[in-house]
Protein backbone atom coordinates (compact mmCIF):
# COMPACT_ATOMS: atom_id res chain seq x y z
CA MET A 1 15.38 -29.39 0.04
CA LYS A 2 15.40 -26.67 -2.85
CA ASP A 3 16.57 -23.07 -2.10
CA ILE A 4 13.86 -20.31 -3.03
CA ASP A 5 15.89 -17.64 -4.56
CA ILE A 6 13.90 -14.28 -3.96
CA HIS A 7 15.37 -10.65 -5.24
CA ILE A 8 13.68 -7.67 -3.70
CA SER A 9 14.57 -4.47 -5.34
CA ALA A 10 15.73 -1.53 -3.26
CA ARG A 11 13.11 0.42 -4.85
CA ARG A 12 10.27 -1.79 -3.90
CA VAL A 13 12.03 -2.00 -0.35
CA ARG A 14 11.92 2.00 -0.25
CA ARG A 15 8.57 2.00 -1.82
CA GLU A 16 7.07 -0.23 1.21
CA THR A 17 9.08 1.56 3.78
CA VAL A 18 7.32 4.90 2.75
CA TRP A 19 4.12 3.12 2.93
CA LEU A 20 4.92 1.97 6.60
CA ALA A 21 5.93 5.10 7.66
CA VAL A 22 2.80 6.88 6.00
CA CYS A 23 0.59 4.45 7.99
CA VAL A 24 2.25 5.14 11.18
CA LEU A 25 2.19 8.96 10.65
CA LEU A 26 -1.37 8.70 10.14
CA VAL A 27 -2.10 6.70 12.86
CA GLU A 28 -0.17 9.09 14.91
CA ILE A 29 -1.86 12.14 13.49
CA LEU A 30 -4.91 10.55 14.62
CA ASN A 31 -3.60 9.86 17.88
CA ALA A 32 -2.83 13.42 18.06
CA TRP A 33 -6.29 14.70 17.17
CA ALA A 34 -8.08 12.60 19.88
CA ILE A 35 -5.53 13.62 22.60
CA ALA A 36 -6.48 17.59 21.52
CA ALA A 37 -10.47 16.48 21.30
CA TYR A 38 -10.39 14.75 24.65
CA GLY A 39 -8.19 16.99 26.26
CA THR A 40 -6.02 14.38 28.13
CA PRO A 41 -1.93 15.22 28.39
CA TRP A 42 0.30 15.63 25.51
CA THR A 43 2.51 12.85 27.00
CA GLU A 44 0.11 10.34 25.60
CA LEU A 45 2.14 11.17 22.41
CA VAL A 46 5.19 9.37 23.72
CA THR A 47 3.14 6.90 26.04
CA SER A 48 1.14 5.36 23.51
CA LEU A 49 3.76 5.14 20.61
CA GLY A 50 3.73 1.54 21.01
CA TYR A 51 0.16 1.09 20.24
CA VAL A 52 0.45 3.54 17.61
CA VAL A 53 3.20 1.67 15.95
CA ALA A 54 1.10 -1.81 16.24
CA ALA A 55 -2.08 0.46 14.85
CA GLY A 56 0.12 1.58 11.76
CA ILE A 57 1.43 -2.14 11.07
CA VAL A 58 -2.12 -3.23 11.17
CA LEU A 59 -3.13 -0.61 8.91
CA TYR A 60 0.17 -1.07 6.59
CA VAL A 61 -1.19 -4.96 6.24
CA ALA A 62 -4.81 -3.72 5.46
CA LEU A 63 -3.65 -1.42 2.76
CA ALA A 64 -1.09 -3.96 1.30
CA VAL A 65 -3.88 -6.59 1.07
CA LEU A 66 -5.94 -3.96 -0.57
CA ARG A 67 -3.44 -2.96 -3.22
CA PHE A 68 -2.20 -6.70 -3.86
CA VAL A 69 -6.43 -7.55 -4.38
CA VAL A 70 -6.72 -4.11 -6.95
CA ALA A 71 -3.20 -5.51 -8.56
CA LEU A 72 -4.70 -8.62 -9.46
CA ALA A 73 -8.14 -7.12 -10.45
CA ILE A 74 -6.02 -4.75 -12.96
CA ARG A 75 -4.15 -7.50 -14.04
CA GLY A 76 -7.04 -9.85 -14.79
CA ARG A 77 -8.91 -7.05 -16.71
CA ARG A 78 -5.84 -6.68 -18.86
CA GLU A 79 -5.58 -10.08 -19.80
CA ALA A 80 -9.30 -10.75 -20.43
CA ALA A 81 -9.78 -7.52 -22.49
CA PRO A 82 -9.91 -8.31 -25.94
CA GLU A 83 -7.15 -6.76 -28.13
CA GLN A 84 -8.08 -3.64 -29.81
CA ALA A 85 -7.31 -3.38 -33.40
CA ASN A 86 -4.56 -0.85 -34.48
CA ASP A 87 -5.01 1.30 -37.49
CA ASN A 88 -1.68 0.08 -38.71
CA ASP A 89 -3.27 -3.62 -39.00
CA LYS A 90 -6.06 -2.49 -41.54
CA VAL A 91 -5.81 -4.20 -44.86
CA ILE A 92 -6.87 -2.03 -47.78
CA THR A 93 -7.61 -3.84 -50.94
CA ILE A 94 -8.30 -2.27 -54.42
């Protein structure tokens, strides 16, 4: 069986880690808002942390799929666009 050699740059790992942290933080802020809105005890921030992390991962995966689809659309649009004429390409004959 052939080995597949995949290299993921440190920059890409950092970027995806930031995306995941933002997703979890967003869900945690939404959880804090719900706690304040419904008047439940603030210990819910800690006791529901597992649900918050799970919801954050679901949000991260959904955003990753959305980012992938947008990247494919942009790449396809660039490849399908006709080459624009450059002013330097014009030939002047006298």
